[in-house]
C-alpha atoms as a PDB file:
ATOM      1  CA  MET A   1       0.094   0.303   0.115  1.00  0.00           C
ATOM      2  CA  SER A   2       1.502   3.285  -1.149  1.00  0.00           C
ATOM      3  CA  LEU A   3       0.945   6.679   1.322  1.00  0.00           C
ATOM      4  CA  LEU A   4      -1.431   8.063  -1.274  1.00  0.00           C
ATOM      5  CA  THR A   5      -3.684   4.963  -0.290  1.00  0.00           C
ATOM      6  CA  LEU A   6      -2.859   4.926   3.546  1.00  0.00           C
ATOM      7  CA  ASN A   7      -4.271   9.272   3.077  1.00  0.00           C
ATOM      8  CA  GLN A   8      -7.536   8.190   1.307  1.00  0.00           C
ATOM      9  CA  GLU A   9      -7.826   5.180   3.925  1.00  0.00           C
ATOM     10  CA  ILE A  10      -7.372   7.914   6.708  1.00  0.00           C
ATOM     11  CA  VAL A  11      -9.714  10.318   4.679  1.00  0.00           C
ATOM     12  CA  ASN A  12     -12.622   7.677   4.536  1.00  0.00           C
ATOM     13  CA  CYS A  13     -12.364   6.406   8.142  1.00  0.00           C
ATOM     14  CA  LYS A  14     -15.213   6.405  10.540  1.00  0.00           C
ATOM     15  CA  LYS A  15     -14.445   4.543  13.672  1.00  0.00           C
ATOM     16  CA  CYS A  16     -14.447   7.879  16.307  1.00  0.00           C
ATOM     17  CA  ASN A  17     -18.254   8.487  16.332  1.00  0.00           C
ATOM     18  CA  ARG A  18     -17.425  11.465  18.939  1.00  0.00           C
ATOM     19  CA  LEU A  19     -15.197  12.876  16.461  1.00  0.00           C
ATOM     20  CA  ARG A  20     -16.819  12.613  13.510  1.00  0.00           C
ATOM     21  CA  GLU A  21     -20.090  14.214  14.771  1.00  0.00           C
ATOM     22  CA  TRP A  22     -18.021  17.034  16.375  1.00  0.00           C
ATOM     23  CA  CYS A  23     -16.124  17.848  13.241  1.00  0.00           C
ATOM     24  CA  ASN A  24     -19.134  18.237  11.216  1.00  0.00           C
ATOM     25  CA  THR A  25     -20.507  20.849  13.883  1.00  0.00           C
ATOM     26  CA  ARG A  26     -17.815  23.557  13.599  1.00  0.00           C
ATOM     27  CA  TYR A  27     -18.731  24.864  10.111  1.00  0.00           C
ATOM     28  CA  GLY A  28     -20.481  28.303  11.228  1.00  0.00           C
ATOM     29  CA  ASN A  29     -18.893  27.868  14.933  1.00  0.00           C
ATOM     30  CA  ASN A  30     -16.614  30.337  14.551  1.00  0.00           C
ATOM     31  CA  PRO A  31     -17.662  34.411  12.930  1.00  0.00           C
ATOM     32  CA  HIS A  32     -14.471  34.510  11.577  1.00  0.00           C
ATOM     33  CA  TYR A  33     -15.276  31.745   8.867  1.00  0.00           C
ATOM     34  CA  ILE A  34     -18.994  31.995   8.250  1.00  0.00           C
ATOM     35  CA  GLY A  35     -19.711  31.440   5.051  1.00  0.00           C
ATOM     36  CA  GLN A  36     -16.991  29.153   4.416  1.00  0.00           C
ATOM     37  CA  THR A  37     -17.143  25.506   3.600  1.00  0.00           C
ATOM     38  CA  TYR A  38     -15.220  22.907   6.215  1.00  0.00           C
ATOM     39  CA  TRP A  39     -13.249  19.898   5.325  1.00  0.00           C
ATOM     40  CA  GLY A  40     -15.110  18.613   8.492  1.00  0.00           C
ATOM     41  CA  LEU A  41     -13.103  15.032   7.353  1.00  0.00           C
ATOM     42  CA  PRO A  42     -10.054  12.750   9.121  1.00  0.00           C
ATOM     43  CA  VAL A  43      -7.023  14.797   7.615  1.00  0.00           C
ATOM     44  CA  PRO A  44      -4.268  13.452   6.422  1.00  0.00           C
ATOM     45  CA  GLY A  45      -0.530  13.865   6.136  1.00  0.00           C
ATOM     46  CA  PHE A  46       0.783  16.023   3.887  1.00  0.00           C
ATOM     47  CA  GLY A  47       4.282  16.889   2.310  1.00  0.00           C
ATOM     48  CA  ASP A  48       7.204  15.127   0.786  1.00  0.00           C
ATOM     49  CA  GLY A  49       6.763  11.296   0.988  1.00  0.00           C
ATOM     50  CA  ASN A  50      10.177  10.918   0.106  1.00  0.00           C
ATOM     51  CA  GLY A  51      11.632  13.156   2.714  1.00  0.00           C
ATOM     52  CA  LYS A  52      13.620  12.591   5.895  1.00  0.00           C
ATOM     53  CA  ILE A  53      11.995  14.579   8.678  1.00  0.00           C
ATOM     54  CA  LEU A  54       8.503  13.891  10.001  1.00  0.00           C
ATOM     55  CA  ILE A  55       6.880  16.701  12.416  1.00  0.00           C
ATOM     56  CA  VAL A  56       3.995  15.067  14.408  1.00  0.00           C
ATOM     57  CA  GLY A  57       1.075  17.032  15.766  1.00  0.00           C
ATOM     58  CA  LEU A  58      -1.651  16.456  18.372  1.00  0.00           C
ATOM     59  CA  ALA A  59      -4.267  16.771  16.131  1.00  0.00           C
ATOM     60  CA  PRO A  60      -6.263  19.087  13.560  1.00  0.00           C
ATOM     61  CA  GLY A  61      -7.453  22.448  14.874  1.00  0.00           C
ATOM     62  CA  ALA A  62     -11.104  23.075  14.684  1.00  0.00           C
ATOM     63  CA  HIS A  63     -11.182  25.909  12.371  1.00  0.00           C
ATOM     64  CA  GLY A  64      -7.478  25.592  11.083  1.00  0.00           C
ATOM     65  CA  ALA A  65      -7.032  22.015   9.364  1.00  0.00           C
ATOM     66  CA  ASN A  66     -10.634  20.711  10.155  1.00  0.00           C
ATOM     67  CA  ARG A  67     -11.376  23.151   8.403  1.00  0.00           C
ATOM     68  CA  THR A  68      -8.793  23.545   5.520  1.00  0.00           C
ATOM     69  CA  GLY A  69      -8.397  19.777   4.907  1.00  0.00           C
ATOM     70  CA  ARG A  70      -4.801  20.407   4.918  1.00  0.00           C
ATOM     71  CA  VAL A  71      -2.501  19.991   8.383  1.00  0.00           C
ATOM     72  CA  PHE A  72      -1.449  22.762  10.373  1.00  0.00           C
ATOM     73  CA  THR A  73      -3.075  24.870   7.544  1.00  0.00           C
ATOM     74  CA  GLY A  74      -5.263  28.211   8.361  1.00  0.00           C
ATOM     75  CA  ASP A  75      -4.406  28.663  12.171  1.00  0.00           C
ATOM     76  CA  THR A  76      -1.597  30.364  14.244  1.00  0.00           C
ATOM     77  CA  ALA A  77      -0.276  26.761  14.787  1.00  0.00           C
ATOM     78  CA  GLY A  78       0.443  26.467  11.367  1.00  0.00           C
ATOM     79  CA  ASP A  79       1.708  30.379  10.628  1.00  0.00           C
ATOM     80  CA  LEU A  80       4.688  29.435  12.935  1.00  0.00           C
ATOM     81  CA  LEU A  81       5.599  25.874  11.586  1.00  0.00           C
ATOM     82  CA  TYR A  82       5.703  27.068   7.930  1.00  0.00           C
ATOM     83  CA  SER A  83       7.541  29.877   8.244  1.00  0.00           C
ATOM     84  CA  SER A  84      10.110  28.463   9.850  1.00  0.00           C
ATOM     85  CA  LEU A  85      10.110  25.767   7.989  1.00  0.00           C
ATOM     86  CA  TYR A  86      10.564  28.053   4.704  1.00  0.00           C
ATOM     87  CA  LYS A  87      13.147  29.861   6.408  1.00  0.00           C
ATOM     88  CA  PHE A  88      15.905  26.667   6.365  1.00  0.00           C
ATOM     89  CA  GLY A  89      14.467  25.829   3.061  1.00  0.00           C
ATOM     90  CA  PHE A  90      11.823  22.747   3.418  1.00  0.00           C
ATOM     91  CA  SER A  91       8.524  24.429   2.456  1.00  0.00           C
ATOM     92  CA  SER A  92       8.183  26.480  -0.959  1.00  0.00           C
ATOM     93  CA  LEU A  93       5.522  29.048   1.030  1.00  0.00           C
ATOM     94  CA  GLU A  94       5.895  31.208   4.006  1.00  0.00           C
ATOM     95  CA  ILE A  95       2.266  30.523   4.904  1.00  0.00           C
ATOM     96  CA  SER A  96      -0.093  27.850   4.333  1.00  0.00           C
ATOM     97  CA  ILE A  97      -3.606  28.969   4.116  1.00  0.00           C
ATOM     98  CA  LYS A  98      -5.765  26.559   1.968  1.00  0.00           C
ATOM     99  CA  LYS A  99      -5.043  23.107  -0.020  1.00  0.00           C
ATOM    100  CA  ASP A 100      -4.568  24.322  -3.462  1.00  0.00           C
ATOM    101  CA  ASP A 101      -2.361  27.443  -2.422  1.00  0.00           C
ATOM    102  CA  GLY A 102       0.660  25.856  -4.275  1.00  0.00           C
ATOM    103  CA  LEU A 103       2.552  25.237  -0.884  1.00  0.00           C
ATOM    104  CA  ILE A 104       5.382  22.325  -1.313  1.00  0.00           C
ATOM    105  CA  LEU A 105       7.712  20.766   1.380  1.00  0.00           C
ATOM    106  CA  ASN A 106      11.110  19.197   0.631  1.00  0.00           C
ATOM    107  CA  ASP A 107      12.457  16.886   2.938  1.00  0.00           C
ATOM    108  CA  VAL A 108       9.317  17.336   5.500  1.00  0.00           C
ATOM    109  CA  TYR A 109       6.133  15.152   5.684  1.00  0.00           C
ATOM    110  CA  ILE A 110       3.918  16.298   8.177  1.00  0.00           C
ATOM    111  CA  THR A 111       0.826  14.799  10.421  1.00  0.00           C
ATOM    112  CA  ASN A 112      -0.877  14.415  13.767  1.00  0.00           C
ATOM    113  CA  VAL A 113      -1.398  11.522  16.122  1.00  0.00           C
ATOM    114  CA  VAL A 114      -4.938  11.861  15.923  1.00  0.00           C
ATOM    115  CA  LYS A 115      -6.397  12.545  12.520  1.00  0.00           C
ATOM    116  CA  CYS A 116      -9.961  14.030  13.174  1.00  0.00           C
ATOM    117  CA  ALA A 117     -10.347  17.444  15.525  1.00  0.00           C
ATOM    118  CA  PRO A 118     -10.823  16.722  19.307  1.00  0.00           C
ATOM    119  CA  PRO A 119     -13.858  19.003  21.621  1.00  0.00           C
ATOM    120  CA  GLY A 120     -11.500  21.069  23.681  1.00  0.00           C
ATOM    121  CA  ASN A 121      -8.468  19.450  21.377  1.00  0.00           C
ATOM    122  CA  LYS A 122      -8.589  16.649  24.284  1.00  0.00           C
ATOM    123  CA  PRO A 123      -8.563  12.842  22.388  1.00  0.00           C
ATOM    124  CA  THR A 124      -9.951   9.773  25.087  1.00  0.00           C
ATOM    125  CA  SER A 125      -7.868   6.883  24.975  1.00  0.00           C
ATOM    126  CA  TYR A 126      -9.403   5.733  22.948  1.00  0.00           C
ATOM    127  CA  GLU A 127      -8.938   7.783  20.162  1.00  0.00           C
ATOM    128  CA  PHE A 128      -5.493   7.867  20.721  1.00  0.00           C
ATOM    129  CA  ALA A 129      -5.531   3.832  20.422  1.00  0.00           C
ATOM    130  CA  THR A 130      -7.469   3.752  17.182  1.00  0.00           C
ATOM    131  CA  CYS A 131      -5.126   6.930  15.280  1.00  0.00           C
ATOM    132  CA  LYS A 132      -2.008   6.051  16.690  1.00  0.00           C
ATOM    133  CA  LYS A 133      -1.906   2.857  14.315  1.00  0.00           C
ATOM    134  CA  TYR A 134      -2.145   5.135  11.371  1.00  0.00           C
ATOM    135  CA  LEU A 135       0.593   7.266  12.498  1.00  0.00           C
ATOM    136  CA  ALA A 136       2.908   3.678  12.617  1.00  0.00           C
ATOM    137  CA  ARG A 137       1.620   3.037   9.229  1.00  0.00           C
ATOM    138  CA  GLU A 138       2.690   6.148   7.960  1.00  0.00           C
ATOM    139  CA  ILE A 139       6.627   5.873   9.747  1.00  0.00           C
ATOM    140  CA  LYS A 140       6.683   2.725   8.232  1.00  0.00           C
ATOM    141  CA  LYS A 141       6.104   3.863   4.878  1.00  0.00           C
ATOM    142  CA  LEU A 142       8.671   7.233   5.211  1.00  0.00           C
ATOM    143  CA  VAL A 143      11.315   4.843   4.003  1.00  0.00           C
ATOM    144  CA  ASN A 144      14.449   7.774   4.189  1.00  0.00           C
ATOM    145  CA  LEU A 145      13.159   8.641   7.838  1.00  0.00           C
ATOM    146  CA  ARG A 146      15.883  10.368   9.956  1.00  0.00           C
ATOM    147  CA  VAL A 147      14.278  12.668  11.968  1.00  0.00           C
ATOM    148  CA  ILE A 148      10.991  12.613  13.948  1.00  0.00           C
ATOM    149  CA  LEU A 149      10.291  16.183  15.181  1.00  0.00           C
ATOM    150  CA  ALA A 150       7.078  15.426  18.671  1.00  0.00           C
ATOM    151  CA  LEU A 151       5.656  18.677  18.396  1.00  0.00           C
ATOM    152  CA  GLY A 152       4.207  18.436  22.598  1.00  0.00           C
ATOM    153  CA  GLU A 153       4.017  15.879  25.064  1.00  0.00           C
ATOM    154  CA  LYS A 154       1.381  13.764  23.796  1.00  0.00           C
ATOM    155  CA  ALA A 155       2.656  13.462  20.719  1.00  0.00           C
ATOM    156  CA  PHE A 156       6.213  12.420  22.086  1.00  0.00           C
ATOM    157  CA  TYR A 157       4.754   9.915  24.016  1.00  0.00           C
ATOM    158  CA  ASN A 158       2.807   8.288  21.327  1.00  0.00           C
ATOM    159  CA  ILE A 159       5.716   8.507  19.264  1.00  0.00           C
ATOM    160  CA  LYS A 160       7.855   6.649  22.406  1.00  0.00           C
ATOM    161  CA  SER A 161       5.145   4.250  22.371  1.00  0.00           C
ATOM    162  CA  ILE A 162       4.569   3.017  18.660  1.00  0.00           C
ATOM    163  CA  PHE A 163       8.985   2.673  18.766  1.00  0.00           C
ATOM    164  CA  THR A 164       8.472   0.825  21.450  1.00  0.00           C
ATOM    165  CA  GLU A 165       5.918  -1.592  20.567  1.00  0.00           C
ATOM    166  CA  ASN A 166       8.037  -1.967  17.750  1.00  0.00           C
ATOM    167  CA  GLY A 167      11.162  -3.547  19.875  1.00  0.00           C
ATOM    168  CA  VAL A 168      13.087   0.030  20.368  1.00  0.00           C
ATOM    169  CA  ASN A 169      14.625   0.482  23.565  1.00  0.00           C
ATOM    170  CA  THR A 170      12.890   3.979  24.481  1.00  0.00           C
ATOM    171  CA  ARG A 171      13.792   3.084  28.343  1.00  0.00           C
ATOM    172  CA  GLY A 172      14.265   6.615  29.971  1.00  0.00           C
ATOM    173  CA  ALA A 173      13.434   8.980  27.532  1.00  0.00           C
ATOM    174  CA  LYS A 174      11.211  12.136  28.317  1.00  0.00           C
ATOM    175  CA  PHE A 175       9.774  15.075  27.465  1.00  0.00           C
ATOM    176  CA  GLU A 176      11.479  17.403  27.438  1.00  0.00           C
ATOM    177  CA  HIS A 177      11.902  20.485  25.030  1.00  0.00           C
ATOM    178  CA  GLY A 178      15.322  20.851  22.766  1.00  0.00           C
ATOM    179  CA  LYS A 179      15.712  17.370  23.501  1.00  0.00           C
ATOM    180  CA  THR A 180      17.136  14.467  21.004  1.00  0.00           C
ATOM    181  CA  TYR A 181      16.533  10.944  21.523  1.00  0.00           C
ATOM    182  CA  ARG A 182      18.759   8.566  19.844  1.00  0.00           C
ATOM    183  CA  PHE A 183      18.251   4.598  20.478  1.00  0.00           C
ATOM    184  CA  CYS A 184      20.862   1.824  19.896  1.00  0.00           C
ATOM    185  CA  ASN A 185      18.388  -0.423  17.782  1.00  0.00           C
ATOM    186  CA  SER A 186      17.191   2.859  15.504  1.00  0.00           C
ATOM    187  CA  ASN A 187      18.313   4.809  13.049  1.00  0.00           C
ATOM    188  CA  ILE A 188      15.356   7.072  13.518  1.00  0.00           C
ATOM    189  CA  VAL A 189      16.190  10.019  15.969  1.00  0.00           C
ATOM    190  CA  ILE A 190      13.419  11.634  17.937  1.00  0.00           C
ATOM    191  CA  ILE A 191      13.163  15.556  18.651  1.00  0.00           C
ATOM    192  CA  ALA A 192      11.013  16.688  21.209  1.00  0.00           C
ATOM    193  CA  SER A 193       9.524  20.636  21.119  1.00  0.00           C
ATOM    194  CA  TYR A 194       7.057  22.287  22.851  1.00  0.00           C
ATOM    195  CA  HIS A 195       3.912  22.619  20.051  1.00  0.00           C
ATOM    196  CA  THR A 196       3.535  25.944  17.995  1.00  0.00           C
ATOM    197  CA  SER A 197       0.041  26.260  18.832  1.00  0.00           C
ATOM    198  CA  LYS A 198      -1.363  29.644  19.674  1.00  0.00           C
ATOM    199  CA  TYR A 199      -1.599  29.304  23.591  1.00  0.00           C
ATOM    200  CA  ASN A 200       2.314  28.329  23.642  1.00  0.00           C
ATOM    201  CA  ILE A 201       2.725  31.160  21.672  1.00  0.00           C
ATOM    202  CA  ASP A 202       0.738  33.915  23.564  1.00  0.00           C
ATOM    203  CA  THR A 203       2.586  32.854  26.669  1.00  0.00           C
ATOM    204  CA  LYS A 204       5.750  33.019  25.106  1.00  0.00           C
ATOM    205  CA  ARG A 205       6.417  29.349  26.379  1.00  0.00           C
ATOM    206  CA  MET A 206       7.581  28.725  22.249  1.00  0.00           C
ATOM    207  CA  THR A 207       9.074  31.849  20.416  1.00  0.00           C
ATOM    208  CA  VAL A 208      10.516  32.011  16.679  1.00  0.00           C
ATOM    209  CA  GLU A 209      13.464  31.769  18.201  1.00  0.00           C
ATOM    210  CA  LYS A 210      13.202  28.494  20.139  1.00  0.00           C
ATOM    211  CA  PHE A 211      11.516  26.689  16.973  1.00  0.00           C
ATOM    212  CA  ASP A 212      14.587  28.273  14.731  1.00  0.00           C
ATOM    213  CA  HIS A 213      16.773  26.283  16.922  1.00  0.00           C
ATOM    214  CA  VAL A 214      14.917  23.209  17.042  1.00  0.00           C
ATOM    215  CA  LEU A 215      15.240  23.195  13.045  1.00  0.00           C
ATOM    216  CA  LEU A 216      18.375  24.295  13.229  1.00  0.00           C
ATOM    217  CA  ASN A 217      19.295  21.102  15.171  1.00  0.00           C
ATOM    218  CA  ILE A 218      17.553  18.802  12.975  1.00  0.00           C
ATOM    219  CA  LYS A 219      19.861  20.339   9.931  1.00  0.00           C
ATOM    220  CA  LYS A 220      22.749  19.613  12.021  1.00  0.00           C
ATOM    221  CA  VAL A 221      21.567  15.729  12.878  1.00  0.00           C
ATOM    222  CA  LEU A 222      21.077  15.188   9.052  1.00  0.00           C
ATOM    223  CA  SER A 223      23.855  16.550   7.991  1.00  0.00           C
ATOM    224  CA  SER A 224      25.949  14.750  11.174  1.00  0.00           C
ATOM    225  CA  ASN A 225      24.383  11.248   9.100  1.00  0.00           C
ATOM    226  CA  ASP A 226      25.217  12.318   6.104  1.00  0.00           C
END
């Protein structure tokens, strides 16, 4: 199965009734987007399927990716993410507005642990477990993968769980912004980072400088592996 086929399977997924029902009620819920047609479906990954970098967030934003149909597109979290990716040569455009804006990612693939926007941005344990299987399959499909950037604690621990289930010794790995983890029986490096969410930006937990430093670290990891 190709990555494209897997993405179509994700879009067609109806396993989590709570999420499917909630996503479809976001239309008209935010006055800034009145009259816009919402995607309202599970949001697949996006980017370079041959890339060395995978960026993983928590879940689509209710009025971001759930509206536009593309990960980290149309909200504040995406604004910081894509502007920094552009700065480091990973994105063809500085801002991601909609699916057909022509943006192309270079060496980067972006996805979320949970594929549907959850109420309160809080997926249940069942929803995490269900969607984590898709993430595990995405990781396997990215055959050139060398670095996974986990945006936020939830993303980090779900990725760690996938590695552990695949026989990788991840003992002692804990979420810490900027921390790089190399495991003796895996050629994929995990880097932890605060999420680029609006809350983290407003509270200064995440800044442009902090995220640029994370991307610079990724560049260093890739150059050391070449």
